[in-house]
Amino acid sequence: MKKLILILSITLLCGSAASWSETLTVPSYAIPNSSSGVLRPTRGISKTAVEQKFGSPQQKSSPVGDPPITKWTYSDFIVYFEYNHVIHSVIPR
């Protein structure tokens, strides 16, 4: 009988522990690449096309690594190039 009460007590305690959990939500930082968000270069565009469309960057970093990755910093976004083409553009937090 004591064994049954012990097992039942442990089961109830374990079951009630699950009800104490909470859901963690993480806000989305996805900003659309459009006029309603921040318009920025898309993958595959050349350095020349980026400079023609968005102007000269505030800062140009030297190529790093192999393949060479270059970073251009604009006021609203950062563009990463592999060789001469955009591989990614991001909005810094």
PDB file of N, CA and C in Angstrom:
ATOM      1  N   MET A   1       0.825  -1.202   0.000  1.00  0.00           N
ATOM      2  CA  MET A   1       0.000   0.000   0.000  1.00  0.00           C
ATOM      3  C   MET A   1       0.864   1.259   0.000  1.00  0.00           C
ATOM      4  N   LYS A   2       1.933   1.239   0.851  1.00  0.00           N
ATOM      5  CA  LYS A   2       2.814   2.402   0.902  1.00  0.00           C
ATOM      6  C   LYS A   2       3.480   2.641  -0.447  1.00  0.00           C
ATOM      7  N   LYS A   3       3.821   1.514  -1.117  1.00  0.00           N
ATOM      8  CA  LYS A   3       4.469   1.608  -2.412  1.00  0.00           C
ATOM      9  C   LYS A   3       3.532   2.270  -3.434  1.00  0.00           C
ATOM     10  N   LEU A   4       2.277   1.907  -3.407  1.00  0.00           N
ATOM     11  CA  LEU A   4       1.285   2.469  -4.318  1.00  0.00           C
ATOM     12  C   LEU A   4       1.105   3.966  -4.076  1.00  0.00           C
ATOM     13  N   ILE A   5       1.036   4.367  -2.824  1.00  0.00           N
ATOM     14  CA  ILE A   5       0.889   5.785  -2.481  1.00  0.00           C
ATOM     15  C   ILE A   5       2.133   6.562  -2.921  1.00  0.00           C
ATOM     16  N   LEU A   6       3.317   5.980  -2.741  1.00  0.00           N
ATOM     17  CA  LEU A   6       4.561   6.627  -3.163  1.00  0.00           C
ATOM     18  C   LEU A   6       4.587   6.813  -4.679  1.00  0.00           C
ATOM     19  N   ILE A   7       4.240   5.772  -5.425  1.00  0.00           N
ATOM     20  CA  ILE A   7       4.217   5.851  -6.893  1.00  0.00           C
ATOM     21  C   ILE A   7       3.190   6.877  -7.354  1.00  0.00           C
ATOM     22  N   LEU A   8       2.012   6.869  -6.730  1.00  0.00           N
ATOM     23  CA  LEU A   8       0.969   7.827  -7.085  1.00  0.00           C
ATOM     24  C   LEU A   8       1.418   9.260  -6.788  1.00  0.00           C
ATOM     25  N   SER A   9       2.079   9.475  -5.677  1.00  0.00           N
ATOM     26  CA  SER A   9       2.566  10.814  -5.304  1.00  0.00           C
ATOM     27  C   SER A   9       3.616  11.309  -6.287  1.00  0.00           C
ATOM     28  N   ILE A  10       4.542  10.434  -6.645  1.00  0.00           N
ATOM     29  CA  ILE A  10       5.590  10.813  -7.610  1.00  0.00           C
ATOM     30  C   ILE A  10       4.977  11.132  -8.965  1.00  0.00           C
ATOM     31  N   THR A  11       4.007  10.326  -9.388  1.00  0.00           N
ATOM     32  CA  THR A  11       3.330  10.561 -10.664  1.00  0.00           C
ATOM     33  C   THR A  11       2.619  11.911 -10.666  1.00  0.00           C
ATOM     34  N   LEU A  12       1.939  12.222  -9.597  1.00  0.00           N
ATOM     35  CA  LEU A  12       1.232  13.501  -9.514  1.00  0.00           C
ATOM     36  C   LEU A  12       2.200  14.683  -9.503  1.00  0.00           C
ATOM     37  N   LEU A  13       3.295  14.540  -8.791  1.00  0.00           N
ATOM     38  CA  LEU A  13       4.289  15.616  -8.754  1.00  0.00           C
ATOM     39  C   LEU A  13       4.926  15.847 -10.117  1.00  0.00           C
ATOM     40  N   CYS A  14       5.260  14.766 -10.793  1.00  0.00           N
ATOM     41  CA  CYS A  14       5.863  14.884 -12.130  1.00  0.00           C
ATOM     42  C   CYS A  14       4.874  15.481 -13.131  1.00  0.00           C
ATOM     43  N   GLY A  15       3.631  15.090 -13.026  1.00  0.00           N
ATOM     44  CA  GLY A  15       2.607  15.624 -13.922  1.00  0.00           C
ATOM     45  C   GLY A  15       2.350  17.092 -13.683  1.00  0.00           C
ATOM     46  N   SER A  16       2.395  17.513 -12.438  1.00  0.00           N
ATOM     47  CA  SER A  16       2.142  18.924 -12.148  1.00  0.00           C
ATOM     48  C   SER A  16       3.332  19.798 -12.533  1.00  0.00           C
ATOM     49  N   ALA A  17       4.536  19.224 -12.592  1.00  0.00           N
ATOM     50  CA  ALA A  17       5.716  19.999 -12.992  1.00  0.00           C
ATOM     51  C   ALA A  17       5.596  20.462 -14.440  1.00  0.00           C
ATOM     52  N   ALA A  18       4.977  19.647 -15.264  1.00  0.00           N
ATOM     53  CA  ALA A  18       4.800  20.013 -16.669  1.00  0.00           C
ATOM     54  C   ALA A  18       3.873  21.224 -16.806  1.00  0.00           C
ATOM     55  N   SER A  19       2.948  21.386 -15.901  1.00  0.00           N
ATOM     56  CA  SER A  19       2.028  22.519 -15.990  1.00  0.00           C
ATOM     57  C   SER A  19       2.700  23.829 -15.564  1.00  0.00           C
ATOM     58  N   TRP A  20       3.877  23.762 -14.985  1.00  0.00           N
ATOM     59  CA  TRP A  20       4.585  24.978 -14.575  1.00  0.00           C
ATOM     60  C   TRP A  20       5.405  25.573 -15.703  1.00  0.00           C
ATOM     61  N   SER A  21       5.551  24.859 -16.802  1.00  0.00           N
ATOM     62  CA  SER A  21       6.372  25.366 -17.896  1.00  0.00           C
ATOM     63  C   SER A  21       5.694  26.571 -18.550  1.00  0.00           C
ATOM     64  N   GLU A  22       6.502  27.379 -19.199  1.00  0.00           N
ATOM     65  CA  GLU A  22       5.959  28.534 -19.906  1.00  0.00           C
ATOM     66  C   GLU A  22       6.530  28.589 -21.304  1.00  0.00           C
ATOM     67  N   THR A  23       5.863  29.288 -22.176  1.00  0.00           N
ATOM     68  CA  THR A  23       6.287  29.411 -23.556  1.00  0.00           C
ATOM     69  C   THR A  23       7.118  30.670 -23.712  1.00  0.00           C
ATOM     70  N   LEU A  24       8.280  30.518 -24.320  1.00  0.00           N
ATOM     71  CA  LEU A  24       9.163  31.644 -24.567  1.00  0.00           C
ATOM     72  C   LEU A  24       9.002  32.071 -26.014  1.00  0.00           C
ATOM     73  N   THR A  25       8.641  33.307 -26.239  1.00  0.00           N
ATOM     74  CA  THR A  25       8.512  33.811 -27.600  1.00  0.00           C
ATOM     75  C   THR A  25       9.640  34.784 -27.876  1.00  0.00           C
ATOM     76  N   VAL A  26      10.201  34.677 -29.067  1.00  0.00           N
ATOM     77  CA  VAL A  26      11.292  35.540 -29.483  1.00  0.00           C
ATOM     78  C   VAL A  26      10.758  36.459 -30.577  1.00  0.00           C
ATOM     79  N   PRO A  27      10.939  37.768 -30.432  1.00  0.00           N
ATOM     80  CA  PRO A  27      10.422  38.676 -31.449  1.00  0.00           C
ATOM     81  C   PRO A  27      11.147  38.494 -32.778  1.00  0.00           C
ATOM     82  N   SER A  28      10.437  38.714 -33.848  1.00  0.00           N
ATOM     83  CA  SER A  28      11.020  38.599 -35.177  1.00  0.00           C
ATOM     84  C   SER A  28      11.691  39.918 -35.550  1.00  0.00           C
ATOM     85  N   TYR A  29      12.921  39.815 -36.018  1.00  0.00           N
ATOM     86  CA  TYR A  29      13.640  41.003 -36.452  1.00  0.00           C
ATOM     87  C   TYR A  29      13.700  41.082 -37.968  1.00  0.00           C
ATOM     88  N   ALA A  30      12.881  40.300 -38.636  1.00  0.00           N
ATOM     89  CA  ALA A  30      12.872  40.301 -40.091  1.00  0.00           C
ATOM     90  C   ALA A  30      12.278  41.610 -40.600  1.00  0.00           C
ATOM     91  N   ILE A  31      13.087  42.355 -41.299  1.00  0.00           N
ATOM     92  CA  ILE A  31      12.644  43.622 -41.883  1.00  0.00           C
ATOM     93  C   ILE A  31      12.545  43.405 -43.380  1.00  0.00           C
ATOM     94  N   PRO A  32      11.378  43.665 -43.973  1.00  0.00           N
ATOM     95  CA  PRO A  32      11.205  43.375 -45.389  1.00  0.00           C
ATOM     96  C   PRO A  32      12.153  44.174 -46.274  1.00  0.00           C
ATOM     97  N   ASN A  33      12.571  43.529 -47.367  1.00  0.00           N
ATOM     98  CA  ASN A  33      13.425  44.178 -48.359  1.00  0.00           C
ATOM     99  C   ASN A  33      12.514  44.846 -49.385  1.00  0.00           C
ATOM    100  N   SER A  34      11.894  45.951 -48.956  1.00  0.00           N
ATOM    101  CA  SER A  34      10.955  46.676 -49.813  1.00  0.00           C
ATOM    102  C   SER A  34      10.848  48.110 -49.319  1.00  0.00           C
ATOM    103  N   SER A  35      10.049  48.887 -50.006  1.00  0.00           N
ATOM    104  CA  SER A  35       9.880  50.290 -49.607  1.00  0.00           C
ATOM    105  C   SER A  35       9.210  50.415 -48.245  1.00  0.00           C
ATOM    106  N   SER A  36       8.480  49.374 -47.812  1.00  0.00           N
ATOM    107  CA  SER A  36       7.865  49.419 -46.485  1.00  0.00           C
ATOM    108  C   SER A  36       8.863  49.052 -45.389  1.00  0.00           C
ATOM    109  N   GLY A  37       9.979  48.446 -45.770  1.00  0.00           N
ATOM    110  CA  GLY A  37      11.038  48.084 -44.822  1.00  0.00           C
ATOM    111  C   GLY A  37      12.282  48.894 -45.135  1.00  0.00           C
ATOM    112  N   VAL A  38      13.357  48.202 -45.476  1.00  0.00           N
ATOM    113  CA  VAL A  38      14.600  48.846 -45.903  1.00  0.00           C
ATOM    114  C   VAL A  38      15.013  48.208 -47.221  1.00  0.00           C
ATOM    115  N   LEU A  39      14.981  48.982 -48.277  1.00  0.00           N
ATOM    116  CA  LEU A  39      15.381  48.486 -49.584  1.00  0.00           C
ATOM    117  C   LEU A  39      16.888  48.307 -49.595  1.00  0.00           C
ATOM    118  N   ARG A  40      17.355  47.113 -49.975  1.00  0.00           N
ATOM    119  CA  ARG A  40      18.786  46.810 -49.970  1.00  0.00           C
ATOM    120  C   ARG A  40      19.117  45.856 -51.120  1.00  0.00           C
ATOM    121  N   PRO A  41      20.399  45.716 -51.452  1.00  0.00           N
ATOM    122  CA  PRO A  41      20.787  44.857 -52.579  1.00  0.00           C
ATOM    123  C   PRO A  41      20.427  43.389 -52.351  1.00  0.00           C
ATOM    124  N   THR A  42      20.130  42.700 -53.437  1.00  0.00           N
ATOM    125  CA  THR A  42      19.808  41.277 -53.368  1.00  0.00           C
ATOM    126  C   THR A  42      20.974  40.449 -53.908  1.00  0.00           C
ATOM    127  N   ARG A  43      20.945  39.193 -53.611  1.00  0.00           N
ATOM    128  CA  ARG A  43      22.008  38.265 -53.992  1.00  0.00           C
ATOM    129  C   ARG A  43      22.262  38.277 -55.504  1.00  0.00           C
ATOM    130  N   GLY A  44      23.558  38.306 -55.865  1.00  0.00           N
ATOM    131  CA  GLY A  44      23.944  38.197 -57.270  1.00  0.00           C
ATOM    132  C   GLY A  44      24.230  39.509 -57.978  1.00  0.00           C
ATOM    133  N   ILE A  45      23.853  40.628 -57.387  1.00  0.00           N
ATOM    134  CA  ILE A  45      24.091  41.932 -58.018  1.00  0.00           C
ATOM    135  C   ILE A  45      25.578  42.266 -57.929  1.00  0.00           C
ATOM    136  N   SER A  46      26.105  42.899 -58.965  1.00  0.00           N
ATOM    137  CA  SER A  46      27.528  43.252 -58.984  1.00  0.00           C
ATOM    138  C   SER A  46      27.799  44.491 -58.130  1.00  0.00           C
ATOM    139  N   LYS A  47      29.076  44.683 -57.783  1.00  0.00           N
ATOM    140  CA  LYS A  47      29.473  45.868 -57.004  1.00  0.00           C
ATOM    141  C   LYS A  47      29.120  47.151 -57.747  1.00  0.00           C
ATOM    142  N   THR A  48      29.326  47.128 -59.053  1.00  0.00           N
ATOM    143  CA  THR A  48      29.025  48.316 -59.866  1.00  0.00           C
ATOM    144  C   THR A  48      27.543  48.658 -59.804  1.00  0.00           C
ATOM    145  N   ALA A  49      26.690  47.646 -59.925  1.00  0.00           N
ATOM    146  CA  ALA A  49      25.236  47.874 -59.881  1.00  0.00           C
ATOM    147  C   ALA A  49      24.807  48.373 -58.507  1.00  0.00           C
ATOM    148  N   VAL A  50      25.415  47.834 -57.443  1.00  0.00           N
ATOM    149  CA  VAL A  50      25.080  48.286 -56.089  1.00  0.00           C
ATOM    150  C   VAL A  50      25.453  49.750 -55.930  1.00  0.00           C
ATOM    151  N   GLU A  51      26.633  50.119 -56.388  1.00  0.00           N
ATOM    152  CA  GLU A  51      27.071  51.508 -56.247  1.00  0.00           C
ATOM    153  C   GLU A  51      26.224  52.453 -57.094  1.00  0.00           C
ATOM    154  N   GLN A  52      25.784  52.008 -58.262  1.00  0.00           N
ATOM    155  CA  GLN A  52      24.922  52.844 -59.104  1.00  0.00           C
ATOM    156  C   GLN A  52      23.557  53.045 -58.458  1.00  0.00           C
ATOM    157  N   LYS A  53      23.013  51.995 -57.855  1.00  0.00           N
ATOM    158  CA  LYS A  53      21.671  52.082 -57.291  1.00  0.00           C
ATOM    159  C   LYS A  53      21.633  52.715 -55.905  1.00  0.00           C
ATOM    160  N   PHE A  54      22.637  52.420 -55.059  1.00  0.00           N
ATOM    161  CA  PHE A  54      22.606  52.862 -53.662  1.00  0.00           C
ATOM    162  C   PHE A  54      23.648  53.922 -53.327  1.00  0.00           C
ATOM    163  N   GLY A  55      24.487  54.267 -54.292  1.00  0.00           N
ATOM    164  CA  GLY A  55      25.519  55.276 -54.049  1.00  0.00           C
ATOM    165  C   GLY A  55      26.761  54.678 -53.410  1.00  0.00           C
ATOM    166  N   SER A  56      27.709  55.548 -53.100  1.00  0.00           N
ATOM    167  CA  SER A  56      28.953  55.097 -52.483  1.00  0.00           C
ATOM    168  C   SER A  56      28.712  54.726 -51.022  1.00  0.00           C
ATOM    169  N   PRO A  57      29.326  53.627 -50.561  1.00  0.00           N
ATOM    170  CA  PRO A  57      29.153  53.240 -49.163  1.00  0.00           C
ATOM    171  C   PRO A  57      29.924  54.162 -48.228  1.00  0.00           C
ATOM    172  N   GLN A  58      29.544  54.170 -46.966  1.00  0.00           N
ATOM    173  CA  GLN A  58      30.266  54.964 -45.968  1.00  0.00           C
ATOM    174  C   GLN A  58      31.639  54.371 -45.713  1.00  0.00           C
ATOM    175  N   GLN A  59      31.721  53.044 -45.838  1.00  0.00           N
ATOM    176  CA  GLN A  59      32.991  52.362 -45.574  1.00  0.00           C
ATOM    177  C   GLN A  59      33.098  51.115 -46.435  1.00  0.00           C
ATOM    178  N   LYS A  60      34.305  50.865 -46.965  1.00  0.00           N
ATOM    179  CA  LYS A  60      34.585  49.646 -47.721  1.00  0.00           C
ATOM    180  C   LYS A  60      35.713  48.909 -47.015  1.00  0.00           C
ATOM    181  N   SER A  61      35.476  47.647 -46.678  1.00  0.00           N
ATOM    182  CA  SER A  61      36.528  46.862 -46.037  1.00  0.00           C
ATOM    183  C   SER A  61      37.371  46.160 -47.098  1.00  0.00           C
ATOM    184  N   SER A  62      38.574  45.803 -46.738  1.00  0.00           N
ATOM    185  CA  SER A  62      39.452  45.052 -47.640  1.00  0.00           C
ATOM    186  C   SER A  62      38.977  43.609 -47.707  1.00  0.00           C
ATOM    187  N   PRO A  63      39.225  42.918 -48.834  1.00  0.00           N
ATOM    188  CA  PRO A  63      38.828  41.513 -48.944  1.00  0.00           C
ATOM    189  C   PRO A  63      39.533  40.656 -47.892  1.00  0.00           C
ATOM    190  N   VAL A  64      38.784  39.672 -47.366  1.00  0.00           N
ATOM    191  CA  VAL A  64      39.314  38.774 -46.348  1.00  0.00           C
ATOM    192  C   VAL A  64      39.032  37.339 -46.769  1.00  0.00           C
ATOM    193  N   GLY A  65      40.028  36.452 -46.653  1.00  0.00           N
ATOM    194  CA  GLY A  65      39.840  35.024 -46.865  1.00  0.00           C
ATOM    195  C   GLY A  65      39.916  34.593 -48.307  1.00  0.00           C
ATOM    196  N   ASP A  66      39.571  33.310 -48.500  1.00  0.00           N
ATOM    197  CA  ASP A  66      39.567  32.719 -49.829  1.00  0.00           C
ATOM    198  C   ASP A  66      38.333  31.830 -49.936  1.00  0.00           C
ATOM    199  N   PRO A  67      37.328  32.162 -50.669  1.00  0.00           N
ATOM    200  CA  PRO A  67      37.231  33.283 -51.592  1.00  0.00           C
ATOM    201  C   PRO A  67      37.174  34.612 -50.837  1.00  0.00           C
ATOM    202  N   PRO A  68      37.609  35.669 -51.506  1.00  0.00           N
ATOM    203  CA  PRO A  68      37.641  36.969 -50.829  1.00  0.00           C
ATOM    204  C   PRO A  68      36.240  37.511 -50.535  1.00  0.00           C
ATOM    205  N   ILE A  69      36.000  37.865 -49.271  1.00  0.00           N
ATOM    206  CA  ILE A  69      34.725  38.443 -48.849  1.00  0.00           C
ATOM    207  C   ILE A  69      34.969  39.906 -48.494  1.00  0.00           C
ATOM    208  N   THR A  70      34.211  40.778 -49.103  1.00  0.00           N
ATOM    209  CA  THR A  70      34.325  42.221 -48.883  1.00  0.00           C
ATOM    210  C   THR A  70      33.037  42.722 -48.255  1.00  0.00           C
ATOM    211  N   LYS A  71      33.158  43.710 -47.376  1.00  0.00           N
ATOM    212  CA  LYS A  71      31.981  44.281 -46.707  1.00  0.00           C
ATOM    213  C   LYS A  71      31.895  45.762 -47.030  1.00  0.00           C
ATOM    214  N   TRP A  72      30.722  46.187 -47.460  1.00  0.00           N
ATOM    215  CA  TRP A  72      30.442  47.604 -47.657  1.00  0.00           C
ATOM    216  C   TRP A  72      29.397  48.015 -46.635  1.00  0.00           C
ATOM    217  N   THR A  73      29.654  49.117 -45.942  1.00  0.00           N
ATOM    218  CA  THR A  73      28.732  49.596 -44.922  1.00  0.00           C
ATOM    219  C   THR A  73      28.010  50.842 -45.401  1.00  0.00           C
ATOM    220  N   TYR A  74      26.693  50.779 -45.402  1.00  0.00           N
ATOM    221  CA  TYR A  74      25.831  51.914 -45.703  1.00  0.00           C
ATOM    222  C   TYR A  74      25.162  52.348 -44.402  1.00  0.00           C
ATOM    223  N   SER A  75      24.453  53.459 -44.418  1.00  0.00           N
ATOM    224  CA  SER A  75      23.832  53.956 -43.187  1.00  0.00           C
ATOM    225  C   SER A  75      22.742  53.011 -42.662  1.00  0.00           C
ATOM    226  N   ASP A  76      21.992  52.336 -43.559  1.00  0.00           N
ATOM    227  CA  ASP A  76      20.876  51.488 -43.132  1.00  0.00           C
ATOM    228  C   ASP A  76      21.149  49.989 -43.221  1.00  0.00           C
ATOM    229  N   PHE A  77      22.199  49.581 -43.925  1.00  0.00           N
ATOM    230  CA  PHE A  77      22.454  48.155 -44.114  1.00  0.00           C
ATOM    231  C   PHE A  77      23.930  47.907 -44.414  1.00  0.00           C
ATOM    232  N   ILE A  78      24.300  46.622 -44.384  1.00  0.00           N
ATOM    233  CA  ILE A  78      25.659  46.190 -44.719  1.00  0.00           C
ATOM    234  C   ILE A  78      25.544  45.162 -45.837  1.00  0.00           C
ATOM    235  N   VAL A  79      26.427  45.266 -46.825  1.00  0.00           N
ATOM    236  CA  VAL A  79      26.413  44.352 -47.964  1.00  0.00           C
ATOM    237  C   VAL A  79      27.707  43.539 -47.956  1.00  0.00           C
ATOM    238  N   TYR A  80      27.580  42.223 -48.140  1.00  0.00           N
ATOM    239  CA  TYR A  80      28.731  41.332 -48.209  1.00  0.00           C
ATOM    240  C   TYR A  80      28.871  40.824 -49.643  1.00  0.00           C
ATOM    241  N   PHE A  81      30.083  40.899 -50.162  1.00  0.00           N
ATOM    242  CA  PHE A  81      30.383  40.466 -51.530  1.00  0.00           C
ATOM    243  C   PHE A  81      31.342  39.287 -51.504  1.00  0.00           C
ATOM    244  N   GLU A  82      31.144  38.343 -52.402  1.00  0.00           N
ATOM    245  CA  GLU A  82      32.136  37.307 -52.679  1.00  0.00           C
ATOM    246  C   GLU A  82      32.639  37.623 -54.073  1.00  0.00           C
ATOM    247  N   TYR A  83      33.929  37.853 -54.173  1.00  0.00           N
ATOM    248  CA  TYR A  83      34.532  38.372 -55.396  1.00  0.00           C
ATOM    249  C   TYR A  83      33.834  39.684 -55.736  1.00  0.00           C
ATOM    250  N   ASN A  84      32.994  39.692 -56.770  1.00  0.00           N
ATOM    251  CA  ASN A  84      32.415  40.947 -57.249  1.00  0.00           C
ATOM    252  C   ASN A  84      30.890  40.980 -57.145  1.00  0.00           C
ATOM    253  N   HIS A  85      30.303  39.984 -56.454  1.00  0.00           N
ATOM    254  CA  HIS A  85      28.837  39.899 -56.415  1.00  0.00           C
ATOM    255  C   HIS A  85      28.307  39.787 -54.988  1.00  0.00           C
ATOM    256  N   VAL A  86      27.113  40.330 -54.776  1.00  0.00           N
ATOM    257  CA  VAL A  86      26.467  40.311 -53.460  1.00  0.00           C
ATOM    258  C   VAL A  86      26.148  38.865 -53.071  1.00  0.00           C
ATOM    259  N   ILE A  87      26.525  38.507 -51.842  1.00  0.00           N
ATOM    260  CA  ILE A  87      26.105  37.207 -51.308  1.00  0.00           C
ATOM    261  C   ILE A  87      25.061  37.389 -50.210  1.00  0.00           C
ATOM    262  N   HIS A  88      25.057  38.592 -49.570  1.00  0.00           N
ATOM    263  CA  HIS A  88      24.095  38.819 -48.490  1.00  0.00           C
ATOM    264  C   HIS A  88      24.072  40.308 -48.150  1.00  0.00           C
ATOM    265  N   SER A  89      22.919  40.781 -47.728  1.00  0.00           N
ATOM    266  CA  SER A  89      22.824  42.139 -47.178  1.00  0.00           C
ATOM    267  C   SER A  89      22.007  42.062 -45.905  1.00  0.00           C
ATOM    268  N   VAL A  90      22.468  42.757 -44.878  1.00  0.00           N
ATOM    269  CA  VAL A  90      21.827  42.680 -43.571  1.00  0.00           C
ATOM    270  C   VAL A  90      21.596  44.063 -42.992  1.00  0.00           C
ATOM    271  N   ILE A  91      20.678  44.116 -42.041  1.00  0.00           N
ATOM    272  CA  ILE A  91      20.414  45.358 -41.318  1.00  0.00           C
ATOM    273  C   ILE A  91      20.970  45.169 -39.920  1.00  0.00           C
ATOM    274  N   PRO A  92      21.954  45.978 -39.510  1.00  0.00           N
ATOM    275  CA  PRO A  92      22.513  45.806 -38.166  1.00  0.00           C
ATOM    276  C   PRO A  92      21.502  46.221 -37.107  1.00  0.00           C
ATOM    277  N   ARG A  93      21.560  45.546 -35.957  1.00  0.00           N
ATOM    278  CA  ARG A  93      20.654  45.872 -34.854  1.00  0.00           C
ATOM    279  C   ARG A  93      21.203  47.039 -34.084  1.00  0.00           C
TER     280      ARG A  93
END
